[in-house]
Protein backbone atom coordinates (compact mmCIF):
# COMPACT_ATOMS: atom_id res chain seq x y z
CA MET A 1 73.87 26.84 32.34
CA LEU A 2 70.63 26.57 30.30
CA ASN A 3 72.70 28.25 27.20
CA ARG A 4 75.46 25.58 27.73
CA LEU A 5 73.13 22.89 27.66
CA LEU A 6 71.09 24.42 24.41
CA PHE A 7 74.64 24.80 22.73
CA TRP A 8 75.51 21.05 23.35
CA LEU A 9 71.97 20.20 21.78
CA LYS A 10 72.81 22.31 18.94
CA VAL A 11 76.15 20.75 18.38
CA SER A 12 74.26 17.42 18.22
CA ARG A 13 72.35 18.47 15.29
CA PRO A 14 68.53 17.45 15.84
CA GLY A 15 67.87 18.00 12.41
CA LEU A 16 69.93 15.18 11.47
CA TRP A 17 69.24 12.58 13.89
CA PHE A 18 66.94 10.87 11.55
CA ALA A 19 70.26 9.52 9.97
CA THR A 20 71.30 7.41 12.95
CA LEU A 21 67.69 6.84 14.04
CA TRP A 22 67.04 5.43 10.45
CA LEU A 23 69.84 2.80 10.88
CA TYR A 24 68.51 1.96 14.51
CA LEU A 25 65.23 1.31 13.61
CA MET A 26 65.84 -0.59 10.43
CA PRO A 27 66.32 -3.95 11.98
CA THR A 28 63.77 -3.67 14.41
CA SER A 29 61.19 -3.35 11.84
CA GLY A 30 58.09 -5.52 11.85
CA GLN A 31 58.84 -6.44 15.45
CA ASP A 32 56.79 -6.22 18.48
CA ILE A 33 59.47 -4.17 20.31
CA LEU A 34 57.79 -1.14 21.77
CA GLY A 35 57.70 -2.76 25.31
CA SER A 36 61.37 -3.60 25.36
CA MET A 37 63.41 -1.35 27.53
CA ASN A 38 66.36 -2.58 25.77
CA PHE A 39 64.84 -0.40 22.24
CA TRP A 40 64.01 2.58 24.01
CA ILE A 41 67.52 2.62 25.59
CA GLY A 42 69.20 1.99 22.23
CA PHE A 43 66.81 4.57 20.48
CA PHE A 44 67.63 7.41 22.97
CA TYR A 45 71.21 6.68 22.49
CA CYS A 46 70.98 6.95 18.72
CA THR A 47 69.48 10.49 19.13
CA PHE A 48 71.44 12.98 21.13
CA PRO A 49 74.50 10.71 22.64
CA LEU A 50 75.89 9.16 19.68
CA ASN A 51 75.27 12.34 17.46
CA PHE A 52 76.66 14.48 20.05
CA MET A 53 80.12 12.53 20.02
CA ILE A 54 79.96 12.24 16.00
CA TYR A 55 79.25 15.80 15.14
CA GLY A 56 80.89 17.55 18.19
CA TRP A 57 84.06 15.82 17.26
CA ASN A 58 83.75 16.96 13.76
CA ASP A 59 82.78 20.63 15.00
CA ILE A 60 86.16 20.58 17.11
CA ALA A 61 88.40 19.69 13.84
CA ASP A 62 86.38 22.12 11.59
CA TYR A 63 86.36 25.12 13.39
CA GLU A 64 88.36 27.30 10.77
CA ILE A 65 85.66 25.99 7.91
CA ASP A 66 82.65 26.55 9.98
CA ARG A 67 83.26 30.07 10.74
CA LEU A 68 82.21 30.61 6.89
CA ASN A 69 79.57 28.41 6.80
CA PRO A 70 75.97 30.17 6.80
CA ARG A 71 74.21 26.64 7.64
CA LYS A 72 75.56 26.42 11.04
CA ASP A 73 74.10 28.15 14.21
CA SER A 74 71.22 26.22 14.06
CA PHE A 75 69.24 23.11 15.32
CA TRP A 76 68.88 21.85 12.15
CA PHE A 77 72.55 21.68 10.93
CA GLY A 78 74.73 22.47 13.82
CA ALA A 79 76.46 24.94 16.17
CA LYS A 80 78.91 27.41 15.57
CA GLY A 81 80.87 27.41 18.57
CA THR A 82 83.85 29.88 19.62
CA LYS A 83 87.23 28.59 20.16
CA ALA A 84 86.88 28.66 23.77
CA GLN A 85 83.82 26.56 23.53
CA LEU A 86 85.03 23.99 21.37
CA ALA A 87 88.27 23.53 23.28
CA ARG A 88 86.10 22.51 26.22
CA LEU A 89 83.82 20.38 24.25
CA TRP A 90 85.58 17.05 24.57
CA LYS A 91 84.81 16.85 28.40
CA PRO A 92 81.15 16.90 27.94
CA ILE A 93 81.25 14.43 25.18
CA PHE A 94 83.38 12.09 27.46
CA VAL A 95 80.84 12.58 30.15
CA VAL A 96 78.08 11.61 27.94
CA GLN A 97 79.67 8.39 26.25
CA ALA A 98 80.85 7.32 29.80
CA LEU A 99 77.11 7.56 31.21
CA CYS A 100 75.77 5.43 28.45
CA VAL A 101 77.96 2.96 26.74
CA PRO A 102 78.73 0.93 30.19
CA VAL A 103 74.90 0.61 30.39
CA LEU A 104 75.20 -0.86 26.65
CA VAL A 105 78.07 -3.31 27.41
CA TRP A 106 76.05 -4.39 30.49
CA ILE A 107 73.03 -5.09 28.32
CA VAL A 108 74.77 -6.86 25.06
CA GLY A 109 78.19 -8.16 26.61
CA TRP A 110 81.68 -6.87 25.88
CA LYS A 111 81.14 -7.35 21.89
CA MET A 112 79.21 -3.93 22.23
CA LEU A 113 82.62 -2.38 22.60
CA ILE A 114 83.57 -3.64 19.08
CA ILE A 115 80.98 -1.33 17.71
CA TYR A 116 82.03 1.68 20.06
CA ILE A 117 85.91 1.16 18.85
CA GLY A 118 84.65 0.80 15.38
CA LEU A 119 82.80 4.35 15.85
CA LEU A 120 85.83 6.08 17.65
CA PHE A 121 88.10 4.75 14.72
CA VAL A 122 86.30 6.09 11.92
CA ASN A 123 85.80 9.65 13.76
CA TYR A 124 89.40 9.81 14.37
CA ILE A 125 90.71 8.96 10.70
CA TYR A 126 87.89 11.63 9.52
CA ASN A 127 88.65 14.20 11.73
CA HIS A 128 92.42 13.83 12.37
CA PRO A 129 93.90 17.50 12.24
CA ARG A 130 96.60 16.63 10.18
CA TYR A 131 95.78 13.13 8.17
CA GLY A 132 92.19 13.33 8.75
CA LEU A 133 90.15 11.92 5.54
CA SER A 134 87.47 14.52 5.57
CA ASN A 135 89.89 16.67 3.57
CA ARG A 136 90.96 13.79 1.11
CA PRO A 137 88.24 12.97 -1.40
CA PRO A 138 86.94 10.67 -2.04
CA PHE A 139 87.59 8.64 1.02
CA GLU A 140 85.53 11.28 3.29
CA ILE A 141 82.55 9.46 1.65
CA VAL A 142 83.97 6.00 2.38
CA CYS A 143 83.95 7.00 5.86
CA GLN A 144 80.25 7.33 5.82
CA ILE A 145 80.37 3.19 6.04
CA GLY A 146 81.16 4.13 9.89
CA TYR A 147 77.08 4.97 10.28
CA LEU A 148 76.34 1.30 8.94
CA LEU A 149 78.11 0.10 12.46
CA VAL A 150 74.44 1.51 13.91
CA VAL A 151 72.91 -1.62 12.23
CA PRO A 152 74.68 -4.35 14.28
CA PHE A 153 74.31 -2.13 17.43
CA SER A 154 70.73 -2.59 16.84
CA VAL A 155 70.78 -6.30 15.87
CA TRP A 156 72.95 -7.17 19.15
CA LEU A 157 71.17 -4.73 21.44
CA ASN A 158 67.60 -5.87 20.34
CA ASN A 159 68.47 -9.42 19.77
CA ILE A 160 67.27 -9.67 16.20
CA ASP A 161 68.51 -11.73 13.01
CA PRO A 162 71.12 -10.25 10.95
CA LEU A 163 69.88 -8.58 8.19
CA PRO A 164 70.28 -9.81 4.28
CA TRP A 165 73.12 -8.21 2.23
CA ALA A 166 70.47 -5.81 0.21
CA THR A 167 69.70 -3.86 3.30
CA TYR A 168 73.13 -3.16 3.74
CA ALA A 169 73.54 -2.19 0.36
CA TYR A 170 70.60 -0.07 0.53
CA LEU A 171 71.70 1.68 3.74
CA LEU A 172 75.17 2.38 2.94
CA LEU A 173 74.07 4.24 -0.54
CA PHE A 174 71.43 6.20 1.61
CA ALA A 175 74.72 7.35 3.88
CA PHE A 176 76.68 8.09 0.98
CA GLN A 177 73.81 10.25 -0.84
CA SER A 178 72.99 12.08 2.50
CA HIS A 179 76.61 13.02 2.86
CA LEU A 180 76.90 14.26 -0.78
CA ILE A 181 73.70 16.50 -0.35
CA GLY A 182 75.85 17.79 2.78
CA GLU A 183 78.69 18.47 0.65
CA VAL A 184 76.49 20.44 -2.17
CA MET A 185 75.04 22.69 0.51
CA ASP A 186 78.63 23.72 2.07
CA ILE A 187 80.26 23.88 -1.41
CA GLN A 188 80.76 27.60 -1.26
CA PRO A 189 82.13 27.88 2.42
CA ASP A 190 84.33 24.64 1.72
CA MET A 191 85.94 26.18 -1.27
CA GLN A 192 86.26 29.76 0.68
CA ALA A 193 88.29 27.72 3.26
CA GLY A 194 90.40 25.82 1.01
CA ARG A 195 88.98 22.29 1.80
CA ARG A 196 88.78 19.47 -0.52
CA THR A 197 85.58 17.36 -0.90
CA THR A 198 84.17 15.37 -3.49
CA ALA A 199 81.89 18.22 -4.23
CA THR A 200 84.36 20.96 -4.37
CA VAL A 201 86.99 18.73 -6.53
CA ILE A 202 84.59 17.49 -9.10
CA GLY A 203 81.97 20.58 -9.04
CA MET A 204 78.28 20.84 -8.06
CA ARG A 205 76.75 19.81 -11.34
CA ASN A 206 78.98 16.00 -11.42
CA THR A 207 78.25 15.71 -7.43
CA LYS A 208 74.49 16.21 -7.97
CA LEU A 209 74.73 13.33 -11.14
CA LEU A 210 76.37 11.30 -9.00
CA ILE A 211 73.92 11.89 -5.86
CA ILE A 212 71.10 10.94 -8.98
CA LEU A 213 73.00 7.66 -9.79
CA ILE A 214 73.16 6.53 -6.18
CA VAL A 215 69.31 7.44 -5.85
CA MET A 216 68.96 5.66 -9.11
CA THR A 217 70.68 2.35 -7.71
CA GLU A 218 68.72 2.85 -4.33
CA ALA A 219 65.43 2.92 -6.31
CA TYR A 220 66.45 -0.32 -8.55
CA LEU A 221 67.38 -2.27 -5.31
CA LEU A 222 63.86 -1.19 -3.99
CA PHE A 223 61.80 -2.16 -7.37
CA PHE A 224 63.76 -5.22 -8.47
CA VAL A 225 65.54 -6.67 -5.38
CA PHE A 226 63.05 -6.13 -2.66
CA GLY A 227 59.97 -5.89 -4.82
CA GLU A 228 58.83 -2.78 -2.75
CA ILE A 229 56.34 -0.62 -5.12
CA ILE A 230 55.34 2.16 -2.31
CA PHE A 231 58.51 2.93 -0.96
CA GLY A 232 60.31 2.82 -4.39
CA GLY A 233 57.53 5.17 -5.80
CA PHE A 234 58.59 7.80 -3.07
CA LEU A 235 62.04 7.39 -4.05
CA ALA A 236 61.40 7.58 -7.75
CA LEU A 237 59.45 11.16 -7.03
CA ALA A 238 62.63 12.12 -5.11
CA LEU A 239 64.99 11.23 -7.93
CA LEU A 240 62.44 13.09 -10.53
CA TRP A 241 62.91 15.91 -7.97
CA LEU A 242 66.73 15.73 -8.23
CA ILE A 243 66.69 15.60 -11.74
CA ILE A 244 64.39 18.69 -12.19
CA ASP A 245 66.51 20.71 -9.57
CA LEU A 246 69.75 20.12 -11.96
CA ALA A 247 68.28 20.35 -15.20
CA ILE A 248 65.71 23.17 -14.77
CA ILE A 249 65.34 24.88 -11.27
CA PHE A 250 68.60 25.40 -9.30
CA LYS A 251 70.94 23.86 -11.60
CA THR A 252 74.60 24.86 -10.25
CA LYS A 253 73.33 27.66 -8.42
CA ILE A 254 74.50 28.00 -4.57
CA TYR A 255 71.07 27.54 -2.35
CA THR A 256 70.39 30.21 0.21
CA LEU A 257 69.97 29.62 3.83
CA GLU A 258 66.07 29.70 3.72
CA GLN A 259 66.10 27.38 0.91
CA MET A 260 68.48 25.02 2.63
CA LYS A 261 66.26 24.97 6.03
CA LEU A 262 63.36 24.53 3.93
CA PHE A 263 64.76 21.36 2.21
CA GLY A 264 66.01 20.24 5.86
CA LEU A 265 62.60 20.59 7.26
CA THR A 266 60.98 18.91 4.16
CA SER A 267 63.47 15.85 4.18
CA ASN A 268 62.80 15.32 8.12
CA LEU A 269 59.09 15.23 7.15
CA ILE A 270 59.32 12.65 4.49
CA ALA A 271 62.00 10.82 6.42
CA VAL A 272 59.39 10.27 9.39
CA LEU A 273 57.04 9.31 6.88
CA THR A 274 59.27 6.67 4.98
CA MET A 275 60.78 5.43 8.47
CA ALA A 276 57.23 4.80 9.97
CA TYR A 277 56.07 2.76 6.79
CA VAL A 278 59.27 0.84 6.47
CA TRP A 279 59.36 0.01 10.03
CA TYR A 280 55.65 -1.05 10.26
CA THR A 281 55.78 -2.88 6.78
CA GLY A 282 59.44 -4.68 7.35
CA CYS A 283 59.92 -4.09 3.54
CA LEU A 284 63.52 -4.01 3.52
CA LEU A 285 64.01 -7.18 5.76
CA SER A 286 63.52 -9.56 3.19
CA ILE A 287 64.55 -10.37 -0.55
């Protein structure tokens, strides 16, 4: 039983929980909310339960591709399940959602079902075995819009004012950027498996240039729309690293597994620091 629980935890990719937590925490920035039970219920849901459904569904759809992926079989980047394990995976995913969603609907009301139906729809069109958009670039990037459903989820659950348009724009760019970074890391196994992604179609160099363009746009929003110098400065340093990576250090070389793990650890540490700063200051909630 312990091995099964560890497998389910690995499926949820704890190393990538920061993405959904970032989106959940953003609307609560600067709020005196730590004493709210609703806040912690939502916080918990955006760790294991939500990611278990999102990534578990993806693992079931990507069995053949994931067999070739050296990043798999880790708590950073997800499990490498057998066919038998993945065939049964829908059952615990269903049970976890059946336990969590009624609680959320009871707290917020039936409009919470709008969020959940939206999440199911995006996952369905992304992972469909025949017509899934995960294999139809650039629509696999567009599907990352689904992550933004976590924002109104947080707003409704915590009874917070809606966010300005620029915050949604920044978060959408963040979702695009995160997905493309994953495609760069997976470009070799995706090509070996015959999978079409934006990275396999336009190549590593152009994908890295696209990531740089996205991060430049994020930095522009931070500096000139939000007037945020400190967080903008952090992002400017990240932008500088991306440019050095492409122009001098790695260029279009394939990253080793050890390098990818180091990048994963570093990105999580930076994410925790930036989340703490943004959450404490509420710097991205007003323009």
